[in-house]
Amino acid sequence: MVNHRKNIGHVNEALDKQKELNEIKSRFVAMASHEFRTPLSTILSSASLVLKYDQTGDQEKRERHIKRIKDSVRHLNDLLEDFLSLGKLEEGKVQVASTPVELNGLLEEVVEEMKTATRDGQQIIVSCDSKDEFRSDKGLLKNIVLNLLSNASKFSPEGATIWIKAVHRDHKLTLSIKDKGIGIATEDMPYMFTSFYRGRNAVNIQGTGLGLHIVKRYIELMHGSISLKSKLHEGTTVRLELPDQQQILQP
């Protein structure tokens, strides 16, 4: 009788999980059908116009449309990356590694990659205080920082400054990313880590509503924590804490 109840419990759990996955897929299809339409239309129209600007004096117009194509392709890539990351998380295929990470080098690498994605005139100021070896999953950590910096850039105006501060002490990394962007409304705060959720003041800004959800899931896999502090029209600070993975894996 006990085993029968356990089996029923496992079946119900599997059915609930399958239902959740189906709902996520349905929501993604609905979101993707809307989000994909705009960049694809931009690519098609700009590609057609580039062909028409075949005179030497048309160089500026060509460059403007080539930039629009690149931005649209980047947006489509971000959509696909978010969905693939979510799919791997839901299927339990994300494993956490433990390797030495040179934090200064990692942050410099991320900031360099962000140069092609930030808005005009934006700058990222980095402060890193780490003297000891930190062991973590470099790939996941880099993905987390890139995602958070991308958000800070996306929701901040041109010419804005974004600050990233990392402190490594006593086998723990504390990292914060601060911006002076549009901020988050109080009523939206409890839902910001929910999949596909977008703040009401961000509906006209490109995005899937998956970034913070994926970041939180990665951080939880690494036994860390993340929190938000924000005020509408004044900016947002994201703070996360991650333990040294070597400490976690030790028996």
Foldseek 3Di string as FASTA:
>chain_A
DVVVVVVVVVVVVVVVLVVVVVVLVVLLVVLCVVQLVVLVVLLVVLVVVLVVQPDPVCVVVNVVSVLSNVVSVVLVVQSVVLVVLVVCLSVVNDAWDWDWDDVVVLVVVLQVVCPSVAAAQEEEAEAEADDDTFITRSVLVSLLVNLVVNVQRQQADHNWYKYWYWYDDDQKIKIKIKTQGQWADPVCQVCQLPFQDDGPVCPVGRDRSRSNVSSQSSQVSQVKDKHKDTDGNGIIMIMIMGGRSVVVPDD
